[in-house]
Amino acid sequence: QVQLVESGGGLVQPGGSLRLSCVGSGIIFNNYVMGWYRQAPGKQRELVAYLGSGGGATIYADSVKGRFTISRDNAKNTLYLQMNSLKPDDTAVYYCNARGQYVLWGQGTQVTVSS
């Protein structure tokens, strides 16, 4: 079955950290450009971070630069998003995205930053 499954979301205090994971199945993972997006209530879905299929090219939204790190382990078919120094504005549903032979979205994982 071709799919992406995210995990790792939760409730964290401001200044805390979380690591999101996204496992791909049914695809040749290292052939895909991968990204993380998020959607806050009442807002459009926005790109958080992007990582090229070769693992070299990365793009970050200005709002997360210096705090978030995207990485991938092609041997494990897994994409990660390390999120540090979290802020209440980071609260959103986070989605994994893969672009290649298919365009895939995960089901989303909720991240809530609140004291």
C-alpha atoms as a PDB file:
ATOM      1  CA  GLN A   1       0.000   0.000   0.000  1.00  0.00           C
ATOM      2  CA  VAL A   2       1.333   3.418  -1.007  1.00  0.00           C
ATOM      3  CA  GLN A   3       1.132   5.721   1.989  1.00  0.00           C
ATOM      4  CA  LEU A   4       2.832   8.090   4.406  1.00  0.00           C
ATOM      5  CA  VAL A   5       2.279   7.823   8.148  1.00  0.00           C
ATOM      6  CA  GLU A   6       3.337  10.587  10.543  1.00  0.00           C
ATOM      7  CA  SER A   7       3.963  10.313  14.255  1.00  0.00           C
ATOM      8  CA  GLY A   8       5.553  12.283  17.068  1.00  0.00           C
ATOM      9  CA  GLY A   9       3.113  15.114  17.596  1.00  0.00           C
ATOM     10  CA  GLY A  10       1.798  16.145  20.989  1.00  0.00           C
ATOM     11  CA  LEU A  11       1.507  18.865  23.589  1.00  0.00           C
ATOM     12  CA  VAL A  12       4.671  20.717  24.538  1.00  0.00           C
ATOM     13  CA  GLN A  13       5.454  23.864  26.521  1.00  0.00           C
ATOM     14  CA  PRO A  14       6.923  26.933  24.809  1.00  0.00           C
ATOM     15  CA  GLY A  15      10.659  26.476  24.388  1.00  0.00           C
ATOM     16  CA  GLY A  16      10.349  22.718  24.244  1.00  0.00           C
ATOM     17  CA  SER A  17      11.215  20.249  21.501  1.00  0.00           C
ATOM     18  CA  LEU A  18       9.514  17.545  19.471  1.00  0.00           C
ATOM     19  CA  ARG A  19      10.646  15.253  16.686  1.00  0.00           C
ATOM     20  CA  LEU A  20       8.168  14.266  14.012  1.00  0.00           C
ATOM     21  CA  SER A  21       8.631  11.150  11.904  1.00  0.00           C
ATOM     22  CA  CYS A  22       7.068  10.151   8.598  1.00  0.00           C
ATOM     23  CA  VAL A  23       7.375   6.607   7.322  1.00  0.00           C
ATOM     24  CA  GLY A  24       6.749   5.912   3.651  1.00  0.00           C
ATOM     25  CA  SER A  25       5.619   2.550   2.305  1.00  0.00           C
ATOM     26  CA  GLY A  26       5.000   1.252  -1.181  1.00  0.00           C
ATOM     27  CA  ILE A  27       7.392   3.759  -2.765  1.00  0.00           C
ATOM     28  CA  ILE A  28      11.080   3.986  -3.592  1.00  0.00           C
ATOM     29  CA  PHE A  29      11.643   6.554  -0.863  1.00  0.00           C
ATOM     30  CA  ASN A  30      14.946   7.977  -2.057  1.00  0.00           C
ATOM     31  CA  ASN A  31      13.419   8.917  -5.429  1.00  0.00           C
ATOM     32  CA  TYR A  32      11.048  11.353  -3.770  1.00  0.00           C
ATOM     33  CA  VAL A  33      11.359  15.001  -2.828  1.00  0.00           C
ATOM     34  CA  MET A  34      10.070  15.238   0.748  1.00  0.00           C
ATOM     35  CA  GLY A  35       8.573  18.043   2.742  1.00  0.00           C
ATOM     36  CA  TRP A  36       6.749  19.029   5.896  1.00  0.00           C
ATOM     37  CA  TYR A  37       3.738  21.333   5.780  1.00  0.00           C
ATOM     38  CA  ARG A  38       1.485  22.636   8.529  1.00  0.00           C
ATOM     39  CA  GLN A  39      -1.991  24.036   8.823  1.00  0.00           C
ATOM     40  CA  ALA A  40      -3.187  26.076  11.757  1.00  0.00           C
ATOM     41  CA  PRO A  41      -6.905  26.626  12.457  1.00  0.00           C
ATOM     42  CA  GLY A  42      -8.368  29.149  10.043  1.00  0.00           C
ATOM     43  CA  LYS A  43      -5.161  29.363   8.000  1.00  0.00           C
ATOM     44  CA  GLN A  44      -3.929  27.909   4.738  1.00  0.00           C
ATOM     45  CA  ARG A  45      -1.530  24.992   4.644  1.00  0.00           C
ATOM     46  CA  GLU A  46       2.043  26.277   4.433  1.00  0.00           C
ATOM     47  CA  LEU A  47       5.430  24.799   3.660  1.00  0.00           C
ATOM     48  CA  VAL A  48       7.612  24.322   6.729  1.00  0.00           C
ATOM     49  CA  ALA A  49      10.638  22.588   5.248  1.00  0.00           C
ATOM     50  CA  TYR A  50      11.664  20.813   2.059  1.00  0.00           C
ATOM     51  CA  LEU A  51      14.390  18.281   1.365  1.00  0.00           C
ATOM     52  CA  GLY A  52      15.549  17.158  -2.063  1.00  0.00           C
ATOM     53  CA  SER A  53      15.633  13.511  -3.094  1.00  0.00           C
ATOM     54  CA  GLY A  54      19.425  13.447  -2.872  1.00  0.00           C
ATOM     55  CA  GLY A  55      19.275  14.877   0.627  1.00  0.00           C
ATOM     56  CA  GLY A  56      21.263  17.966  -0.260  1.00  0.00           C
ATOM     57  CA  ALA A  57      18.887  20.795  -1.095  1.00  0.00           C
ATOM     58  CA  THR A  58      16.854  22.162   1.804  1.00  0.00           C
ATOM     59  CA  ILE A  59      14.420  25.027   2.140  1.00  0.00           C
ATOM     60  CA  TYR A  60      12.920  26.334   5.362  1.00  0.00           C
ATOM     61  CA  ALA A  61      10.136  28.784   6.016  1.00  0.00           C
ATOM     62  CA  ASP A  62      11.554  31.976   7.504  1.00  0.00           C
ATOM     63  CA  SER A  63       9.484  31.432  10.636  1.00  0.00           C
ATOM     64  CA  VAL A  64      11.287  28.169  11.486  1.00  0.00           C
ATOM     65  CA  LYS A  65      14.840  28.834  10.293  1.00  0.00           C
ATOM     66  CA  GLY A  66      17.387  28.090  12.990  1.00  0.00           C
ATOM     67  CA  ARG A  67      14.842  26.167  15.067  1.00  0.00           C
ATOM     68  CA  PHE A  68      13.684  23.266  12.871  1.00  0.00           C
ATOM     69  CA  THR A  69      15.785  20.697  11.027  1.00  0.00           C
ATOM     70  CA  ILE A  70      14.537  18.379   8.296  1.00  0.00           C
ATOM     71  CA  SER A  71      16.368  15.138   7.589  1.00  0.00           C
ATOM     72  CA  ARG A  72      15.781  11.765   5.994  1.00  0.00           C
ATOM     73  CA  ASP A  73      16.972   8.187   6.403  1.00  0.00           C
ATOM     74  CA  ASN A  74      16.368   6.510   3.053  1.00  0.00           C
ATOM     75  CA  ALA A  75      17.350   3.095   4.431  1.00  0.00           C
ATOM     76  CA  LYS A  76      14.446   3.363   6.870  1.00  0.00           C
ATOM     77  CA  ASN A  77      12.068   5.116   4.444  1.00  0.00           C
ATOM     78  CA  THR A  78      11.705   7.812   7.089  1.00  0.00           C
ATOM     79  CA  LEU A  79      11.580  11.594   7.061  1.00  0.00           C
ATOM     80  CA  TYR A  80      12.144  13.597  10.251  1.00  0.00           C
ATOM     81  CA  LEU A  81      11.473  17.082  11.497  1.00  0.00           C
ATOM     82  CA  GLN A  82      13.360  18.085  14.627  1.00  0.00           C
ATOM     83  CA  MET A  83      11.599  21.072  16.173  1.00  0.00           C
ATOM     84  CA  ASN A  84      13.370  23.066  18.888  1.00  0.00           C
ATOM     85  CA  SER A  85      12.515  26.287  20.715  1.00  0.00           C
ATOM     86  CA  LEU A  86       8.863  25.762  19.942  1.00  0.00           C
ATOM     87  CA  LYS A  87       6.497  28.718  20.085  1.00  0.00           C
ATOM     88  CA  PRO A  88       2.698  28.916  20.437  1.00  0.00           C
ATOM     89  CA  ASP A  89       2.592  30.064  16.784  1.00  0.00           C
ATOM     90  CA  ASP A  90       3.951  26.648  15.797  1.00  0.00           C
ATOM     91  CA  THR A  91       0.684  25.056  16.890  1.00  0.00           C
ATOM     92  CA  ALA A  92      -0.803  23.280  13.869  1.00  0.00           C
ATOM     93  CA  VAL A  93      -1.452  19.956  12.222  1.00  0.00           C
ATOM     94  CA  TYR A  94       1.784  18.891  10.539  1.00  0.00           C
ATOM     95  CA  TYR A  95       1.673  16.932   7.293  1.00  0.00           C
ATOM     96  CA  CYS A  96       4.322  14.941   5.504  1.00  0.00           C
ATOM     97  CA  ASN A  97       4.461  15.265   1.710  1.00  0.00           C
ATOM     98  CA  ALA A  98       6.232  13.222  -0.951  1.00  0.00           C
ATOM     99  CA  ARG A  99       6.579  14.198  -4.606  1.00  0.00           C
ATOM    100  CA  GLY A 100       7.823  11.844  -7.286  1.00  0.00           C
ATOM    101  CA  GLN A 101       5.986   9.185  -9.254  1.00  0.00           C
ATOM    102  CA  TYR A 102       3.081   9.963  -6.948  1.00  0.00           C
ATOM    103  CA  VAL A 103       2.147  12.980  -4.856  1.00  0.00           C
ATOM    104  CA  LEU A 104       1.396  11.708  -1.373  1.00  0.00           C
ATOM    105  CA  TRP A 105       0.178  13.266   1.870  1.00  0.00           C
ATOM    106  CA  GLY A 106       0.132  11.780   5.310  1.00  0.00           C
ATOM    107  CA  GLN A 107      -2.847  11.959   7.620  1.00  0.00           C
ATOM    108  CA  GLY A 108      -1.300  14.679   9.775  1.00  0.00           C
ATOM    109  CA  THR A 109      -0.117  14.872  13.363  1.00  0.00           C
ATOM    110  CA  GLN A 110      -1.202  17.551  15.829  1.00  0.00           C
ATOM    111  CA  VAL A 111       1.423  19.750  17.475  1.00  0.00           C
ATOM    112  CA  THR A 112       0.217  22.002  20.284  1.00  0.00           C
ATOM    113  CA  VAL A 113       2.559  24.461  21.971  1.00  0.00           C
ATOM    114  CA  SER A 114       1.028  25.832  25.126  1.00  0.00           C
ATOM    115  CA  SER A 115       1.804  26.442  28.758  1.00  0.00           C
END
